Protein backbone atom coordinates (compact mmCIF):
# COMPACT_ATOMS: atom_id res chain seq x y z
CA MET A 1 -69.08 -111.51 -35.43
CA LEU A 2 -69.97 -114.66 -37.34
CA LEU A 3 -68.53 -118.14 -37.02
CA ASN A 4 -66.65 -118.94 -40.23
CA GLN A 5 -63.06 -119.18 -41.41
CA GLN A 6 -63.02 -115.72 -42.98
CA GLU A 7 -64.19 -114.04 -39.77
CA LEU A 8 -61.66 -116.07 -37.82
CA GLU A 9 -58.85 -114.28 -39.64
CA ASN A 10 -59.82 -111.05 -37.85
CA LYS A 11 -58.27 -112.14 -34.58
CA GLU A 12 -58.67 -108.74 -32.91
CA GLN A 13 -62.46 -108.98 -32.66
CA TRP A 14 -62.26 -112.38 -31.00
CA THR A 15 -59.64 -111.12 -28.53
CA GLU A 16 -61.85 -108.18 -27.61
CA ALA A 17 -64.74 -110.58 -26.95
CA ASP A 18 -62.45 -112.77 -24.81
CA ILE A 19 -62.95 -115.74 -27.12
CA ARG A 20 -59.98 -118.04 -27.73
CA VAL A 21 -59.36 -119.12 -31.32
CA PRO A 22 -57.27 -121.97 -32.76
CA THR A 23 -53.58 -121.17 -32.97
CA PHE A 24 -52.68 -123.89 -35.50
CA ASP A 25 -52.77 -123.50 -39.28
CA ARG A 26 -56.18 -124.92 -40.22
CA GLY A 27 -55.37 -124.91 -43.93
CA ALA A 28 -52.25 -127.01 -43.49
CA VAL A 29 -53.98 -129.41 -41.09
CA LYS A 30 -56.91 -129.78 -43.49
CA ARG A 31 -54.59 -130.73 -46.35
CA GLN A 32 -52.76 -133.26 -44.20
CA THR A 33 -56.05 -134.73 -42.95
CA GLU A 34 -57.30 -135.18 -46.50
CA MET A 35 -54.17 -137.16 -47.38
CA ALA A 36 -53.67 -139.12 -44.16
CA PRO A 37 -56.80 -139.18 -41.96
CA THR A 38 -56.32 -140.76 -38.53
CA TRP A 39 -59.63 -140.17 -36.74
CA LEU A 40 -63.17 -140.47 -38.10
CA HIS A 41 -66.05 -139.69 -35.75
CA LEU A 42 -69.67 -140.64 -36.32
CA GLY A 43 -72.33 -138.47 -34.68
CA PRO A 44 -71.05 -134.86 -34.39
CA GLY A 45 -73.48 -133.77 -31.67
CA ASN A 46 -73.02 -131.53 -28.66
CA ILE A 47 -71.01 -133.87 -26.45
CA PHE A 48 -68.57 -134.60 -29.28
CA ARG A 49 -68.06 -130.93 -30.16
CA ALA A 50 -67.65 -129.98 -26.51
CA PHE A 51 -65.32 -132.78 -25.48
CA PRO A 52 -63.43 -135.05 -27.95
CA ALA A 53 -63.18 -132.32 -30.60
CA MET A 54 -61.79 -129.93 -27.99
CA LEU A 55 -59.22 -132.53 -26.89
CA MET A 56 -57.95 -132.78 -30.46
CA GLN A 57 -57.78 -129.00 -30.67
CA LYS A 58 -55.48 -128.95 -27.64
CA LEU A 59 -53.17 -131.42 -29.37
CA LEU A 60 -53.19 -129.35 -32.57
CA ASP A 61 -52.54 -126.09 -30.73
CA THR A 62 -49.48 -127.62 -29.08
CA ASN A 63 -48.17 -129.23 -32.30
CA GLN A 64 -48.52 -132.76 -30.95
CA VAL A 65 -50.50 -133.93 -34.01
CA ASP A 66 -50.75 -132.70 -37.58
CA THR A 67 -54.18 -134.03 -38.60
CA GLY A 68 -57.65 -133.14 -37.43
CA ILE A 69 -60.92 -135.04 -37.22
CA VAL A 70 -63.28 -136.05 -40.00
CA VAL A 71 -66.90 -136.30 -38.84
CA ALA A 72 -69.82 -138.06 -40.47
CA GLU A 73 -73.55 -138.11 -39.78
CA GLY A 74 -75.74 -141.07 -40.66
CA TYR A 75 -79.13 -140.00 -39.36
CA ASP A 76 -79.81 -136.26 -39.44
CA TYR A 77 -78.07 -134.97 -42.57
CA GLU A 78 -79.16 -131.38 -41.92
CA ILE A 79 -76.51 -131.19 -39.20
CA VAL A 80 -73.77 -131.61 -41.82
CA ASP A 81 -75.28 -128.93 -44.06
CA ILE A 82 -75.33 -126.46 -41.17
CA MET A 83 -71.78 -127.31 -40.03
CA LYS A 84 -70.23 -127.22 -43.48
CA GLN A 85 -72.12 -124.49 -45.30
CA GLN A 86 -72.64 -121.97 -42.50
CA ASN A 87 -69.78 -122.47 -40.08
CA ASP A 88 -66.86 -124.01 -42.00
CA ASN A 89 -66.96 -126.90 -39.49
CA LEU A 90 -66.24 -124.52 -36.60
CA SER A 91 -68.15 -124.37 -33.33
CA LEU A 92 -68.03 -122.19 -30.23
CA LEU A 93 -67.60 -123.97 -26.91
CA VAL A 94 -68.89 -122.13 -23.85
CA THR A 95 -67.56 -123.80 -20.71
CA LEU A 96 -69.47 -123.07 -17.51
CA LYS A 97 -66.87 -123.14 -14.76
CA THR A 98 -67.44 -124.05 -11.15
CA ASP A 99 -66.54 -120.53 -9.94
CA GLY A 100 -69.35 -119.01 -12.01
CA ASN A 101 -67.17 -117.71 -14.84
CA ILE A 102 -67.40 -118.83 -18.44
CA GLU A 103 -64.66 -119.69 -20.91
CA LYS A 104 -65.27 -119.27 -24.65
CA THR A 105 -63.29 -121.18 -27.28
CA VAL A 106 -63.68 -121.55 -31.04
CA VAL A 107 -63.15 -125.24 -31.76
CA GLY A 108 -61.58 -125.81 -35.18
CA SER A 109 -60.29 -129.39 -35.05
CA ILE A 110 -62.97 -130.73 -37.42
CA MET A 111 -61.58 -130.66 -40.95
CA GLU A 112 -64.35 -132.38 -42.92
CA SER A 113 -68.02 -133.19 -42.35
CA LEU A 114 -69.68 -135.87 -44.46
CA LYS A 115 -73.02 -137.62 -44.85
CA ILE A 116 -73.20 -141.40 -44.54
CA ASP A 117 -75.73 -141.29 -47.33
CA ARG A 118 -75.55 -143.20 -50.59
CA GLU A 119 -77.50 -140.44 -52.33
CA SER A 120 -74.70 -138.02 -51.43
CA LYS A 121 -72.36 -139.93 -53.71
CA GLU A 122 -69.32 -137.69 -53.27
CA ASP A 123 -69.51 -137.92 -49.49
CA TYR A 124 -70.03 -141.67 -49.49
CA GLN A 125 -67.13 -142.23 -51.89
CA ARG A 126 -64.94 -140.06 -49.68
CA LEU A 127 -65.89 -142.18 -46.66
CA GLY A 128 -64.94 -145.29 -48.61
CA ALA A 129 -61.55 -143.78 -49.40
CA ILE A 130 -61.02 -142.89 -45.73
CA PHE A 131 -61.81 -146.44 -44.63
CA GLU A 132 -59.37 -147.78 -47.23
CA ASN A 133 -56.55 -145.51 -46.02
CA LYS A 134 -53.83 -147.23 -43.98
CA THR A 135 -53.43 -144.15 -41.78
CA LEU A 136 -56.91 -144.39 -40.24
CA GLN A 137 -56.52 -145.43 -36.60
CA MET A 138 -59.89 -144.89 -34.97
CA VAL A 139 -63.57 -144.65 -35.79
CA SER A 140 -65.43 -143.30 -32.78
CA PHE A 141 -69.17 -143.04 -32.14
CA THR A 142 -71.61 -140.80 -30.28
CA ILE A 143 -74.82 -141.89 -31.97
CA THR A 144 -76.88 -142.51 -28.77
CA GLU A 145 -77.87 -145.94 -27.50
CA LYS A 146 -80.73 -146.32 -29.98
CA GLY A 147 -78.29 -145.91 -32.88
CA TYR A 148 -76.94 -149.43 -32.25
CA SER A 149 -80.33 -151.12 -32.05
CA LEU A 150 -81.23 -153.55 -34.82
CA THR A 151 -84.46 -154.86 -33.29
CA ASP A 152 -87.77 -153.56 -31.97
CA SER A 153 -89.03 -153.95 -28.39
CA ARG A 154 -90.05 -157.55 -29.15
CA GLY A 155 -86.62 -158.50 -30.48
CA ASN A 156 -87.63 -158.55 -34.14
CA TYR A 157 -85.29 -157.10 -36.76
CA GLY A 158 -86.57 -153.96 -38.46
CA GLN A 159 -87.60 -154.15 -42.11
CA GLN A 160 -84.60 -152.10 -43.28
CA ILE A 161 -82.24 -154.37 -41.34
CA VAL A 162 -83.75 -157.50 -42.89
CA GLU A 163 -83.41 -155.98 -46.35
CA ASP A 164 -79.77 -155.13 -45.65
CA PHE A 165 -79.07 -158.72 -44.56
CA THR A 166 -80.49 -159.91 -47.87
CA ASN A 167 -79.08 -157.26 -50.20
CA GLY A 168 -75.53 -157.05 -48.83
CA PRO A 169 -72.92 -154.38 -48.14
CA GLU A 170 -73.01 -152.84 -51.61
CA VAL A 171 -76.51 -151.42 -51.06
CA ALA A 172 -76.95 -151.40 -47.26
CA GLU A 173 -79.13 -148.49 -46.11
CA SER A 174 -79.42 -148.79 -42.31
CA TYR A 175 -77.00 -146.84 -40.13
CA ILE A 176 -75.04 -149.79 -38.76
CA GLY A 177 -75.40 -151.57 -42.09
CA LYS A 178 -73.59 -148.76 -43.86
CA VAL A 179 -70.89 -148.71 -41.17
CA ALA A 180 -70.41 -152.46 -41.56
CA ALA A 181 -70.26 -151.97 -45.33
CA LEU A 182 -67.53 -149.37 -44.96
CA LEU A 183 -65.62 -151.73 -42.67
CA HIS A 184 -65.94 -154.32 -45.44
CA CYS A 185 -64.20 -151.82 -47.75
CA ARG A 186 -61.32 -151.69 -45.26
CA PHE A 187 -61.22 -155.49 -45.20
CA LEU A 188 -61.00 -155.64 -48.99
CA ALA A 189 -58.19 -153.06 -48.92
CA GLY A 190 -55.98 -155.60 -47.17
CA GLN A 191 -57.60 -156.41 -43.84
CA LEU A 192 -56.27 -153.14 -42.44
CA PRO A 193 -56.43 -152.77 -38.64
CA ILE A 194 -58.81 -150.30 -36.96
CA ALA A 195 -60.34 -149.49 -33.56
CA PHE A 196 -64.12 -148.95 -33.38
CA VAL A 197 -64.60 -146.85 -30.23
CA SER A 198 -68.10 -146.28 -28.92
CA MET A 199 -68.18 -143.22 -26.68
CA ASP A 200 -71.88 -143.53 -26.02
CA ASN A 201 -73.16 -143.57 -22.48
CA MET A 202 -74.12 -147.22 -22.08
CA SER A 203 -72.69 -150.19 -20.24
CA HIS A 204 -69.97 -152.16 -22.07
CA ASN A 205 -70.52 -150.01 -25.14
CA GLY A 206 -67.77 -151.68 -27.12
CA ASP A 207 -69.53 -155.04 -26.90
CA VAL A 208 -72.81 -153.48 -28.00
CA LEU A 209 -71.11 -152.04 -31.08
CA LYS A 210 -69.28 -155.29 -31.82
CA SER A 211 -72.50 -157.28 -31.58
CA ALA A 212 -74.23 -154.99 -34.09
CA ILE A 213 -71.36 -155.13 -36.59
CA HIS A 214 -70.92 -158.89 -36.15
CA THR A 215 -74.63 -159.46 -36.75
CA PHE A 216 -74.33 -157.85 -40.17
CA ALA A 217 -71.11 -159.69 -41.02
CA SER A 218 -72.47 -163.10 -40.05
CA ASN A 219 -75.79 -162.62 -41.87
CA TRP A 220 -73.99 -161.48 -45.00
CA GLN A 221 -71.78 -164.55 -44.81
CA GLU A 222 -74.78 -166.85 -44.37
CA ASN A 223 -76.35 -165.27 -47.45
CA GLY A 224 -73.15 -165.70 -49.46
CA LEU A 225 -72.59 -161.94 -49.74
CA VAL A 226 -69.19 -161.80 -48.01
CA THR A 227 -66.46 -164.37 -47.42
CA PRO A 228 -65.94 -166.15 -44.08
CA GLU A 229 -62.66 -164.21 -43.81
CA PHE A 230 -64.62 -161.00 -43.29
CA VAL A 231 -66.32 -162.47 -40.21
CA GLU A 232 -62.93 -163.64 -38.96
CA TYR A 233 -61.58 -160.12 -39.52
CA VAL A 234 -64.41 -158.57 -37.45
CA ASN A 235 -63.78 -161.11 -34.66
CA ASN A 236 -59.99 -160.67 -34.59
CA PRO A 237 -59.07 -158.01 -31.98
CA GLU A 238 -55.65 -157.62 -33.58
CA LYS A 239 -57.44 -156.40 -36.70
CA VAL A 240 -60.68 -154.82 -35.45
CA SER A 241 -60.99 -153.83 -31.79
CA PHE A 242 -64.06 -152.63 -29.93
CA PRO A 243 -62.74 -150.96 -26.75
CA TRP A 244 -65.02 -150.21 -23.82
CA SER A 245 -65.17 -146.58 -22.73
CA MET A 246 -66.74 -144.35 -20.10
CA ILE A 247 -67.55 -140.75 -20.98
CA ASP A 248 -68.81 -138.11 -18.57
CA LYS A 249 -69.60 -134.53 -19.53
CA ILE A 250 -72.89 -132.68 -19.22
CA THR A 251 -73.76 -130.91 -22.50
CA PRO A 252 -77.38 -129.74 -22.41
CA ARG A 253 -79.23 -128.05 -25.24
CA PRO A 254 -78.14 -124.53 -26.18
CA ASP A 255 -79.16 -122.33 -23.25
CA GLU A 256 -80.85 -118.94 -23.65
CA THR A 257 -78.90 -117.44 -20.74
CA VAL A 258 -75.66 -118.37 -22.48
CA ALA A 259 -77.02 -117.01 -25.77
CA GLN A 260 -77.72 -113.65 -24.12
CA MET A 261 -74.14 -113.48 -22.79
CA LEU A 262 -72.79 -114.20 -26.27
CA ARG A 263 -74.99 -111.50 -27.82
CA LYS A 264 -73.46 -108.95 -25.47
CA ASP A 265 -70.01 -110.06 -26.67
CA GLY A 266 -71.03 -109.38 -30.27
CA PHE A 267 -71.47 -113.01 -31.31
CA GLU A 268 -74.37 -113.10 -33.75
CA GLU A 269 -75.10 -116.81 -34.28
CA VAL A 270 -76.87 -117.63 -31.03
CA ASP A 271 -80.23 -118.89 -32.27
CA TYR A 272 -80.57 -122.65 -32.22
CA LYS A 273 -82.18 -124.56 -35.04
CA ILE A 274 -84.49 -127.56 -34.81
CA THR A 275 -83.94 -129.86 -37.76
CA HIS A 276 -86.71 -131.81 -39.46
CA LYS A 277 -85.64 -134.80 -37.37
CA ASN A 278 -86.00 -132.76 -34.18
CA THR A 279 -82.31 -132.27 -33.43
CA TYR A 280 -81.49 -129.09 -31.49
CA THR A 281 -78.32 -127.58 -32.91
CA ALA A 282 -76.56 -124.24 -32.72
CA ALA A 283 -73.22 -122.69 -33.59
CA PHE A 284 -72.35 -122.82 -29.90
CA VAL A 285 -72.33 -125.59 -27.31
CA ASN A 286 -72.65 -124.90 -23.60
CA ALA A 287 -71.14 -127.47 -21.27
CA GLU A 288 -70.03 -127.94 -17.69
CA GLU A 289 -66.32 -127.85 -16.88
CA THR A 290 -66.02 -131.35 -15.40
CA GLU A 291 -65.19 -134.10 -17.90
CA TYR A 292 -63.83 -137.64 -17.94
CA LEU A 293 -63.03 -140.02 -20.76
CA VAL A 294 -61.67 -143.47 -19.88
CA ILE A 295 -60.96 -145.88 -22.75
CA GLU A 296 -59.73 -149.46 -22.89
CA ASP A 297 -56.29 -149.29 -24.49
CA ALA A 298 -56.90 -151.57 -27.48
CA PHE A 299 -55.83 -149.89 -30.71
CA PRO A 300 -54.37 -152.25 -33.33
CA ASN A 301 -53.33 -149.40 -35.65
CA GLY A 302 -52.13 -146.92 -33.03
CA ARG A 303 -54.10 -143.94 -31.71
CA PRO A 304 -53.96 -140.17 -31.32
CA PRO A 305 -52.03 -139.19 -28.15
CA LEU A 306 -55.18 -138.24 -26.26
CA ASP A 307 -53.57 -139.34 -23.00
CA LYS A 308 -51.56 -136.10 -23.18
CA VAL A 309 -54.78 -134.07 -22.84
CA GLY A 310 -56.49 -135.95 -20.05
CA VAL A 311 -57.92 -139.15 -21.53
CA ILE A 312 -57.21 -142.20 -19.38
CA PHE A 313 -56.23 -145.32 -21.33
CA THR A 314 -56.40 -148.44 -19.23
CA ASP A 315 -57.53 -152.07 -19.11
CA ARG A 316 -61.11 -153.28 -19.59
CA ASN A 317 -61.69 -154.09 -15.92
CA THR A 318 -60.77 -150.56 -14.86
CA VAL A 319 -63.13 -149.06 -17.44
CA ASN A 320 -65.88 -151.27 -16.01
CA GLN A 321 -65.11 -150.15 -12.44
CA VAL A 322 -65.09 -146.48 -13.40
CA GLU A 323 -68.43 -146.85 -15.17
CA THR A 324 -69.91 -148.65 -12.18
CA MET A 325 -68.72 -145.85 -9.89
CA LYS A 326 -70.30 -143.20 -12.12
CA VAL A 327 -73.64 -144.98 -12.58
CA THR A 328 -74.13 -146.21 -9.02
CA THR A 329 -72.33 -143.67 -6.82
CA CYS A 330 -70.92 -140.35 -7.91
CA LEU A 331 -73.10 -139.03 -10.74
CA ASN A 332 -76.30 -140.68 -11.94
CA PRO A 333 -78.00 -141.31 -8.56
CA ILE A 334 -77.17 -137.79 -7.38
CA HIS A 335 -78.60 -136.21 -10.53
CA THR A 336 -81.70 -138.39 -10.28
CA ALA A 337 -82.32 -137.49 -6.65
CA LEU A 338 -81.81 -133.78 -7.29
CA ALA A 339 -84.07 -133.90 -10.33
CA ILE A 340 -86.93 -135.53 -8.41
CA PHE A 341 -86.81 -133.42 -5.25
CA GLY A 342 -85.85 -130.28 -7.16
CA CYS A 343 -88.93 -130.58 -9.37
CA LEU A 344 -91.15 -131.15 -6.32
CA LEU A 345 -89.71 -127.97 -4.78
CA GLY A 346 -90.16 -125.91 -7.97
CA TYR A 347 -86.54 -125.65 -9.14
CA GLU A 348 -85.67 -125.60 -12.83
CA ARG A 349 -81.88 -125.92 -12.64
CA ILE A 350 -79.67 -128.30 -10.70
CA SER A 351 -77.24 -125.41 -10.15
CA GLU A 352 -80.00 -123.57 -8.26
CA GLU A 353 -80.91 -126.69 -6.30
CA MET A 354 -77.33 -126.97 -5.06
CA LYS A 355 -77.72 -123.56 -3.37
CA ASN A 356 -80.38 -125.08 -1.15
CA PRO A 357 -78.50 -126.39 1.93
CA LEU A 358 -80.84 -129.36 2.39
CA LEU A 359 -80.53 -130.50 -1.24
CA LYS A 360 -76.77 -129.98 -1.12
CA LYS A 361 -76.64 -132.14 2.01
CA LEU A 362 -78.73 -134.80 0.25
CA ALA A 363 -76.31 -134.86 -2.69
CA GLU A 364 -73.30 -135.14 -0.40
CA LYS A 365 -74.87 -137.92 1.64
CA ILE A 366 -75.66 -139.98 -1.48
CA GLY A 367 -72.21 -139.41 -2.95
CA TYR A 368 -70.01 -139.77 0.09
CA GLN A 369 -71.97 -142.16 2.32
């Protein structure tokens, strides 16, 4: 079986392979999303397809929302070509459960995939229209920490960034520059409210994103390319919010062991591709079962009801405490310790290391004591 909308219509073959498929009407949801988009996500990589996209699917399957997600890629455009042309924006999530079993689900909550690329004029115009739509509630990000960086290791702005500061939003070419330019479109459409939600794994991620966007806005104002009101708009949390978040889900590269299991089930698209920009991508994503997403509840235009599928919306201080717990106690230090001692002992997988009673005891001592 292949992963596309036509193959999805043959539900019997997916049932025989024990693969769950979306139960909602993708055609109807796609039409509604085109008219009234609510969620745009930038950076449709593995963690997004395995976690936030799956959350939206749960809401769609239970008729709690009637629009899906629009995704956009601003760095590796090949990803969009693969998603759109080969897989009709579908992906296969393989969840590795703690009891050793696996759960397979076709994720179909992505309705459109676009390139944040001025040379792809149709895509860029569509993004402009989405940003100008009153229904848009959230723009989320999983673009990795380096995606927000405007400077080199010495603190100097990159050449493309400097050119964007000088040339303005109409011709901005850097990743964050184009995002800021699209936000300027929303400002011109009536200072419409929006939440910019970084879901990247870095401390106080919302502030990092706000700083990058504000840097563009303030430089454009200084150069007379935007009005002071645009800077005020970016700085007004009742118009543009930048919530903090903490995300936790392990989504490694496509695994050959998982690929072999899928081949036995009759799933044909198991080979991963390495793009020209060295991104590893495949039609399937393998991920662990455990997942957490905690977000500061600051959404000036409303938000999808993700709290009904496990997302915790709370205050900023609680997000900070949860992140501190993850980074200093219950996840990162345990993984680091297991990685170091596991490598010294010749292990290649943390799951195998945890079968060693001494390493298991080490992990428990770090976590609990």
